[in-house]
Amino acid sequence: MPPEISRQKPLKREIELDFVRGIAILMVIDFHSPLGILFYPFRVLGFSHFGWAGVDVFFILSGFLVGGLLVKEWMLYGRIDSKRFLIRRGFKIWPQYYLFIGLILLTGHRTFHQMWGNLLNIQNYVGGVAHTWSLGVEEHAYLLLVLCLAIAARRATRMRNLFLFLAGVTGTVIVLRMILTIYGFDTFTATHTRIDGILEGVLLAILYHYAPETFRRWQNRRWIWFLILALVLVFFRLNLQAPWADSLGLDCANAMGVALLMLLYRHREGRRRSALYRLVAWIGLYSYGIYLWHVAVIAPLVQVSPHLPRWLAPVWLAIAPTLLGALVGIFFTKIVEFPALKLRDRLFPKKVDSAVGRPAEIEVEAQANSTT
């Protein structure tokens, strides 16, 4: 058995993963910004604004990290502590989320009738605060993933079989989404048509922990990931209007997330980073809070713009929503999320040190060697 997690040396934050988070949240807030200056060069070249794909980058990264925690716990302990995982997940997501929802209700911006979906985390099906649909997808995804992994662990299922099962589910979701899109159904927010990105991240996590050499070998073929990014950009530039193009666009967004993760996550400690890199990674550290709160500032700032001098109004609309949205998210992360996480770690200590760092297969081997 592995040593208790409290006896292990804590790992430093993975700045590479925070950097990917930073890219994703900048894509999202720029997409929601009235002018979207970060992607302005792309629009000059004829691209539509594809900042919405930042959500799919989050899905890939979230599946890799959160799914990786479960995979690593299973490989180290031979079982999944589902209750502890869900409680810890709730401490991470719910304090800010329900404060956000509560303030919307208390200030009268929405009625309870409009918000009941958000209160039950089914807003991606019944409506609610528009941008929170992705949080519903994530919550449903991890409930299903915990169930799958718990059953697999109880039945001593081989990791290879679990990988193939999840890959089959992922492929089924992709095909189902394409069919539904062609027949005119809205597939953008439903869990059963958007869970594939999270599952792709989980598949990467299984490879990372169960077959680290295979993971590194594919990761080192950097030309593949650069080629994928190039093809994704070509697709976004085409701006296709065919019924199937919307579904394929989501596949491309997921592919972008996979490529960015494989290119940018290298787990290299001590490497010097540029000031811009560290800034983006620092923003990524607060990405959940920024994602949750940034839309709240857009309407008030837009209402201010007509009262500004003509030369200042476009500058205001270009900079203020992004800057203030980030600051509000950082503020609530510091006063709500971080204290909640400290309380969580005190009441419900984690079972594994990190979803990344040392792959679980290597950790299991090291533990076996230490007992012989």
Protein backbone atom coordinates (compact mmCIF):
# COMPACT_ATOMS: atom_id res chain seq x y z
CA MET A 1 0.00 0.00 0.00
CA PRO A 2 1.18 3.56 -0.70
CA PRO A 3 2.13 5.77 2.22
CA GLU A 4 -0.44 8.19 3.57
CA ILE A 5 -0.62 11.30 1.48
CA SER A 6 0.15 13.47 4.49
CA ARG A 7 3.61 11.91 4.65
CA GLN A 8 4.43 12.70 1.04
CA LYS A 9 6.25 15.81 -0.02
CA PRO A 10 3.72 18.15 -1.64
CA LEU A 11 4.24 18.90 -5.30
CA LYS A 12 4.62 22.39 -6.64
CA ARG A 13 1.87 23.73 -8.87
CA GLU A 14 2.29 22.70 -12.46
CA ILE A 15 2.87 26.06 -14.12
CA GLU A 16 2.47 24.48 -17.57
CA LEU A 17 -1.08 23.43 -16.75
CA ASP A 18 -1.87 26.86 -15.28
CA PHE A 19 -0.56 28.30 -18.54
CA VAL A 20 -3.02 26.16 -20.53
CA ARG A 21 -5.80 27.28 -18.18
CA GLY A 22 -4.71 30.87 -18.73
CA ILE A 23 -4.94 30.48 -22.51
CA ALA A 24 -8.40 28.93 -22.20
CA ILE A 25 -9.85 31.60 -19.91
CA LEU A 26 -8.40 34.42 -22.04
CA MET A 27 -10.09 32.86 -25.07
CA VAL A 28 -13.43 32.75 -23.26
CA ILE A 29 -13.43 36.25 -21.76
CA ASP A 30 -12.23 37.71 -25.07
CA PHE A 31 -15.11 35.92 -26.83
CA HIS A 32 -17.62 37.47 -24.42
CA SER A 33 -15.98 40.89 -24.56
CA PRO A 34 -17.82 43.48 -26.71
CA LEU A 35 -14.79 44.02 -28.96
CA GLY A 36 -12.54 41.00 -28.37
CA ILE A 37 -9.18 42.63 -29.01
CA LEU A 38 -7.09 39.52 -28.29
CA PHE A 39 -8.48 37.82 -31.39
CA TYR A 40 -8.67 40.95 -33.52
CA PRO A 41 -5.69 39.90 -35.72
CA PHE A 42 -7.53 36.67 -36.59
CA ARG A 43 -10.66 38.58 -37.55
CA VAL A 44 -8.58 40.81 -39.81
CA LEU A 45 -7.50 37.61 -41.58
CA GLY A 46 -11.12 36.55 -42.04
CA PHE A 47 -11.60 34.24 -39.06
CA SER A 48 -14.79 34.21 -37.05
CA HIS A 49 -14.16 34.61 -33.34
CA PHE A 50 -13.37 31.11 -32.08
CA GLY A 51 -12.71 32.11 -28.48
CA TRP A 52 -15.67 29.91 -27.58
CA ALA A 53 -13.30 26.95 -28.08
CA GLY A 54 -11.63 27.90 -24.79
CA VAL A 55 -14.42 25.98 -23.04
CA ASP A 56 -13.39 22.83 -24.91
CA VAL A 57 -9.77 23.40 -23.90
CA PHE A 58 -11.05 23.50 -20.32
CA PHE A 59 -12.94 20.25 -20.88
CA ILE A 60 -9.80 18.46 -22.10
CA LEU A 61 -7.70 19.81 -19.24
CA SER A 62 -10.38 19.09 -16.66
CA GLY A 63 -10.75 15.50 -17.83
CA PHE A 64 -6.98 15.06 -17.73
CA LEU A 65 -6.67 16.43 -14.19
CA VAL A 66 -9.88 15.43 -12.42
CA GLY A 67 -10.10 12.10 -14.21
CA GLY A 68 -6.39 11.66 -13.52
CA LEU A 69 -7.03 11.94 -9.78
CA LEU A 70 -9.48 9.05 -9.94
CA VAL A 71 -7.28 6.92 -12.19
CA LYS A 72 -4.25 7.47 -9.98
CA GLU A 73 -6.22 6.70 -6.81
CA TRP A 74 -7.48 3.45 -8.32
CA MET A 75 -4.02 2.38 -9.40
CA LEU A 76 -2.45 3.21 -6.05
CA TYR A 77 -5.16 1.90 -3.73
CA GLY A 78 -7.11 -0.55 -5.89
CA ARG A 79 -10.38 1.26 -5.27
CA ILE A 80 -12.14 4.63 -5.55
CA ASP A 81 -13.32 6.62 -2.54
CA SER A 82 -16.30 8.08 -4.41
CA LYS A 83 -17.76 9.91 -1.42
CA ARG A 84 -14.51 11.70 -0.61
CA PHE A 85 -13.96 12.63 -4.24
CA LEU A 86 -17.45 14.13 -4.65
CA ILE A 87 -17.20 16.04 -1.36
CA ARG A 88 -13.84 17.49 -2.35
CA ARG A 89 -15.22 18.36 -5.76
CA GLY A 90 -18.13 20.15 -4.10
CA PHE A 91 -15.78 22.23 -1.94
CA LYS A 92 -13.98 23.32 -5.12
CA ILE A 93 -17.00 24.22 -7.25
CA TRP A 94 -20.01 25.01 -5.10
CA PRO A 95 -19.00 27.87 -2.73
CA GLN A 96 -18.33 30.38 -5.51
CA TYR A 97 -21.04 28.93 -7.74
CA TYR A 98 -23.87 29.20 -5.23
CA LEU A 99 -22.68 32.60 -4.05
CA PHE A 100 -22.86 33.72 -7.69
CA ILE A 101 -26.35 32.24 -8.12
CA GLY A 102 -27.50 33.63 -4.77
CA LEU A 103 -26.40 37.17 -5.61
CA ILE A 104 -28.24 37.02 -8.93
CA LEU A 105 -31.43 36.02 -7.10
CA LEU A 106 -31.01 38.53 -4.26
CA THR A 107 -30.39 41.45 -6.63
CA GLY A 108 -33.43 40.56 -8.72
CA HIS A 109 -31.57 40.05 -11.99
CA ARG A 110 -33.25 36.66 -12.39
CA THR A 111 -36.24 35.00 -10.77
CA PHE A 112 -36.25 31.65 -9.02
CA HIS A 113 -38.30 30.29 -11.92
CA GLN A 114 -35.50 31.27 -14.29
CA MET A 115 -32.77 29.90 -12.03
CA TRP A 116 -34.08 26.58 -10.73
CA GLY A 117 -32.01 24.72 -13.32
CA ASN A 118 -28.85 26.35 -11.97
CA LEU A 119 -29.76 25.40 -8.42
CA LEU A 120 -30.02 21.74 -9.45
CA ASN A 121 -27.05 21.82 -11.86
CA ILE A 122 -29.18 20.95 -14.88
CA GLN A 123 -29.00 24.41 -16.45
CA ASN A 124 -27.49 23.00 -19.63
CA TYR A 125 -30.85 21.28 -20.29
CA VAL A 126 -33.52 23.59 -18.84
CA GLY A 127 -31.84 26.99 -19.06
CA GLY A 128 -30.42 29.45 -16.57
CA VAL A 129 -27.37 31.70 -16.59
CA ALA A 130 -26.16 31.09 -20.12
CA HIS A 131 -22.42 30.65 -19.65
CA THR A 132 -22.81 28.19 -16.75
CA TRP A 133 -23.96 25.39 -19.08
CA SER A 134 -20.40 24.02 -19.13
CA LEU A 135 -20.40 23.63 -15.34
CA GLY A 136 -23.47 21.41 -15.66
CA VAL A 137 -21.69 19.26 -18.23
CA GLU A 138 -18.68 18.86 -15.94
CA GLU A 139 -20.75 17.94 -12.89
CA HIS A 140 -22.67 15.29 -14.86
CA ALA A 141 -19.46 13.99 -16.42
CA TYR A 142 -17.77 13.37 -13.08
CA LEU A 143 -20.81 11.70 -11.56
CA LEU A 144 -20.81 9.30 -14.49
CA LEU A 145 -17.05 8.86 -14.35
CA VAL A 146 -17.08 8.10 -10.62
CA LEU A 147 -19.79 5.52 -11.23
CA CYS A 148 -17.85 3.89 -14.08
CA LEU A 149 -14.57 3.80 -12.20
CA ALA A 150 -16.17 2.54 -8.99
CA ILE A 151 -17.85 -0.33 -10.86
CA ALA A 152 -14.65 -1.08 -12.77
CA ALA A 153 -12.58 -1.11 -9.59
CA ARG A 154 -15.09 -3.32 -7.76
CA ARG A 155 -15.03 -5.82 -10.62
CA ALA A 156 -11.25 -5.62 -10.95
CA THR A 157 -11.59 -4.54 -14.57
CA ARG A 158 -8.33 -4.19 -16.47
CA MET A 159 -7.35 -0.62 -17.20
CA ARG A 160 -7.04 -1.49 -20.88
CA ASN A 161 -10.70 -2.55 -20.97
CA LEU A 162 -11.79 0.61 -19.18
CA PHE A 163 -9.80 2.67 -21.69
CA LEU A 164 -11.49 0.90 -24.61
CA PHE A 165 -14.92 1.36 -23.03
CA LEU A 166 -14.43 5.10 -22.51
CA ALA A 167 -13.01 5.44 -26.02
CA GLY A 168 -16.14 3.72 -27.34
CA VAL A 169 -18.39 6.07 -25.38
CA THR A 170 -16.43 9.04 -26.71
CA GLY A 171 -16.80 7.87 -30.29
CA THR A 172 -20.52 7.26 -29.77
CA VAL A 173 -21.01 10.80 -28.47
CA ILE A 174 -19.18 12.26 -31.47
CA VAL A 175 -21.30 10.28 -33.95
CA LEU A 176 -24.53 11.04 -32.07
CA ARG A 177 -23.76 14.75 -32.05
CA MET A 178 -23.08 14.76 -35.77
CA ILE A 179 -26.38 13.00 -36.51
CA LEU A 180 -28.41 15.26 -34.23
CA THR A 181 -26.75 18.37 -35.66
CA ILE A 182 -27.52 17.34 -39.23
CA TYR A 183 -31.18 16.89 -38.28
CA GLY A 184 -31.33 20.36 -36.75
CA PHE A 185 -31.11 19.61 -33.04
CA ASP A 186 -29.20 21.95 -30.72
CA THR A 187 -26.18 19.98 -29.49
CA PHE A 188 -24.04 22.76 -28.04
CA THR A 189 -24.86 22.49 -24.33
CA ALA A 190 -26.28 19.03 -23.59
CA THR A 191 -24.16 16.66 -21.55
CA HIS A 192 -24.81 13.71 -23.85
CA THR A 193 -23.46 15.68 -26.82
CA ARG A 194 -20.59 17.54 -25.11
CA ILE A 195 -19.11 15.04 -22.67
CA ASP A 196 -16.64 13.77 -25.30
CA GLY A 197 -14.08 16.51 -24.58
CA ILE A 198 -13.91 15.59 -20.90
CA LEU A 199 -13.66 11.89 -21.75
CA GLU A 200 -10.81 12.60 -24.17
CA GLY A 201 -8.98 14.24 -21.28
CA VAL A 202 -9.65 11.18 -19.11
CA LEU A 203 -8.26 8.91 -21.86
CA LEU A 204 -5.09 11.00 -21.88
CA ALA A 205 -4.92 10.66 -18.08
CA ILE A 206 -5.16 6.87 -18.32
CA LEU A 207 -2.33 6.83 -20.84
CA TYR A 208 -0.28 9.19 -18.67
CA HIS A 209 -0.58 6.98 -15.58
CA TYR A 210 -0.94 3.50 -17.01
CA ALA A 211 1.36 3.74 -20.04
CA PRO A 212 3.64 6.74 -19.37
CA GLU A 213 6.19 5.73 -21.98
CA THR A 214 3.49 5.57 -24.65
CA PHE A 215 2.18 8.94 -23.52
CA ARG A 216 5.64 10.54 -23.70
CA ARG A 217 6.38 8.92 -27.05
CA TRP A 218 3.26 10.41 -28.61
CA GLN A 219 3.81 13.70 -26.83
CA ASN A 220 7.32 14.00 -28.27
CA ARG A 221 5.96 13.77 -31.80
CA ARG A 222 5.40 17.48 -31.72
CA TRP A 223 4.87 17.76 -35.46
CA ILE A 224 1.57 15.89 -35.05
CA TRP A 225 0.23 18.39 -32.55
CA PHE A 226 1.39 21.40 -34.55
CA LEU A 227 -0.24 19.88 -37.62
CA ILE A 228 -3.50 19.41 -35.71
CA LEU A 229 -3.45 23.03 -34.58
CA ALA A 230 -2.82 24.15 -38.15
CA LEU A 231 -5.70 22.05 -39.50
CA VAL A 232 -8.02 23.35 -36.79
CA LEU A 233 -7.17 26.93 -37.72
CA VAL A 234 -7.80 26.14 -41.38
CA PHE A 235 -11.23 24.77 -40.50
CA PHE A 236 -12.10 27.83 -38.43
CA ARG A 237 -10.96 30.07 -41.29
CA LEU A 238 -13.26 28.32 -43.79
CA ASN A 239 -16.35 29.43 -41.84
CA LEU A 240 -18.40 26.59 -43.31
CA GLN A 241 -22.19 26.93 -43.12
CA ALA A 242 -23.15 23.28 -43.73
CA PRO A 243 -25.35 21.60 -41.05
CA TRP A 244 -22.57 19.18 -40.10
CA ALA A 245 -19.97 21.96 -39.72
CA ASP A 246 -21.13 22.94 -36.22
CA SER A 247 -20.52 19.43 -34.90
CA LEU A 248 -17.18 19.16 -36.66
CA GLY A 249 -16.24 22.53 -35.19
CA LEU A 250 -16.68 21.09 -31.70
CA ASP A 251 -14.46 18.15 -32.67
CA CYS A 252 -11.86 20.66 -33.84
CA ALA A 253 -12.11 22.57 -30.57
CA ASN A 254 -11.48 19.37 -28.63
CA ALA A 255 -8.56 18.57 -30.93
CA MET A 256 -7.15 22.02 -30.17
CA GLY A 257 -7.36 21.27 -26.44
CA VAL A 258 -5.59 17.93 -26.84
CA ALA A 259 -2.85 19.47 -28.99
CA LEU A 260 -2.25 22.34 -26.56
CA LEU A 261 -2.04 19.94 -23.62
CA MET A 262 0.40 17.63 -25.40
CA LEU A 263 2.57 20.53 -26.54
CA LEU A 264 2.61 22.62 -23.39
CA TYR A 265 2.60 20.14 -20.51
CA ARG A 266 6.15 18.88 -20.03
CA HIS A 267 6.55 18.68 -16.23
CA ARG A 268 9.90 20.47 -16.20
CA GLU A 269 10.79 21.93 -12.83
CA GLY A 270 13.23 24.79 -12.50
CA ARG A 271 12.82 26.01 -16.06
CA ARG A 272 12.85 29.78 -16.37
CA ARG A 273 9.74 31.33 -17.86
CA SER A 274 9.16 34.68 -19.49
CA ALA A 275 7.17 37.35 -17.68
CA LEU A 276 4.30 36.95 -20.17
CA TYR A 277 4.24 33.19 -19.63
CA ARG A 278 4.11 33.63 -15.86
CA LEU A 279 1.34 36.24 -16.22
CA VAL A 280 -0.84 33.93 -18.31
CA ALA A 281 -0.17 31.05 -15.88
CA TRP A 282 -1.07 33.32 -12.94
CA ILE A 283 -4.36 34.18 -14.64
CA GLY A 284 -4.92 30.46 -15.16
CA LEU A 285 -4.64 29.90 -11.42
CA TYR A 286 -7.86 31.94 -11.01
CA SER A 287 -9.56 30.62 -14.15
CA TYR A 288 -12.64 29.12 -12.49
CA GLY A 289 -13.48 32.30 -10.60
CA ILE A 290 -12.85 34.43 -13.68
CA TYR A 291 -15.01 32.17 -15.82
CA LEU A 292 -17.84 32.33 -13.32
CA TRP A 293 -17.86 36.07 -12.64
CA HIS A 294 -16.52 37.81 -15.76
CA VAL A 295 -19.86 38.11 -17.55
CA ALA A 296 -21.35 40.00 -14.59
CA VAL A 297 -19.36 43.14 -15.40
CA ILE A 298 -20.04 43.33 -19.15
CA ALA A 299 -23.52 44.92 -19.16
CA PRO A 300 -22.68 47.67 -16.61
CA LEU A 301 -19.49 48.59 -18.46
CA VAL A 302 -21.32 48.72 -21.80
CA GLN A 303 -23.92 51.05 -20.25
CA VAL A 304 -21.13 53.40 -19.18
CA SER A 305 -19.55 53.65 -22.64
CA PRO A 306 -22.09 56.11 -24.21
CA HIS A 307 -21.25 58.64 -21.50
CA LEU A 308 -17.54 58.60 -22.28
CA PRO A 309 -15.70 60.79 -24.82
CA ARG A 310 -15.96 59.41 -28.34
CA TRP A 311 -12.27 58.52 -28.50
CA LEU A 312 -12.34 56.79 -25.12
CA ALA A 313 -15.44 54.62 -25.60
CA PRO A 314 -13.85 51.99 -27.90
CA VAL A 315 -10.77 51.79 -25.67
CA TRP A 316 -13.04 51.31 -22.69
CA LEU A 317 -15.03 48.53 -24.39
CA ALA A 318 -11.83 46.85 -25.56
CA ILE A 319 -10.05 46.77 -22.21
CA ALA A 320 -12.43 47.30 -19.29
CA PRO A 321 -14.61 44.14 -19.58
CA THR A 322 -11.60 41.84 -19.83
CA LEU A 323 -9.60 43.57 -17.10
CA LEU A 324 -12.43 44.09 -14.62
CA GLY A 325 -13.88 40.64 -15.30
CA ALA A 326 -10.53 39.09 -14.44
CA LEU A 327 -10.15 41.22 -11.31
CA VAL A 328 -13.61 40.32 -10.01
CA GLY A 329 -12.90 36.63 -10.58
CA ILE A 330 -9.57 36.87 -8.79
CA PHE A 331 -11.19 38.69 -5.87
CA PHE A 332 -13.88 36.05 -5.30
CA THR A 333 -11.37 33.25 -5.75
CA LYS A 334 -9.25 34.70 -2.97
CA ILE A 335 -12.07 35.34 -0.52
CA VAL A 336 -14.26 32.29 -1.27
CA GLU A 337 -12.51 29.48 -3.16
CA PHE A 338 -9.10 29.48 -1.48
CA PRO A 339 -10.52 29.44 2.09
CA ALA A 340 -12.95 26.68 1.05
CA LEU A 341 -10.09 24.61 -0.35
CA LYS A 342 -8.11 25.01 2.88
CA LEU A 343 -11.11 23.86 4.87
CA ARG A 344 -11.60 20.95 2.47
CA ASP A 345 -8.02 19.76 2.84
CA ARG A 346 -8.31 19.93 6.61
CA LEU A 347 -11.61 18.03 6.82
CA PHE A 348 -11.18 15.67 3.87
CA PRO A 349 -7.47 15.16 3.11
CA LYS A 350 -6.70 14.09 -0.44
CA LYS A 351 -5.97 10.47 -1.25
CA VAL A 352 -3.33 11.18 -3.92
CA ASP A 353 -0.87 14.04 -4.09
CA SER A 354 -1.65 15.22 -7.61
CA ALA A 355 -3.26 14.12 -10.86
CA VAL A 356 0.05 14.78 -12.58
CA GLY A 357 3.68 14.68 -11.56
CA ARG A 358 4.83 11.10 -11.08
CA PRO A 359 2.66 8.65 -13.11
CA ALA A 360 0.79 6.13 -10.97
CA GLU A 361 2.30 3.11 -12.73
CA ILE A 362 5.78 4.31 -11.73
CA GLU A 363 4.55 5.14 -8.22
CA VAL A 364 3.13 1.64 -7.77
CA GLU A 365 6.40 0.11 -8.97
CA ALA A 366 8.39 2.30 -6.59
CA GLN A 367 6.18 1.31 -3.67
CA ALA A 368 6.56 -2.38 -4.54
CA ASN A 369 10.33 -2.04 -4.71
CA SER A 370 10.46 -0.21 -1.38
CA THR A 371 8.76 -3.12 0.38
CA THR A 372 11.03 -5.86 -1.01
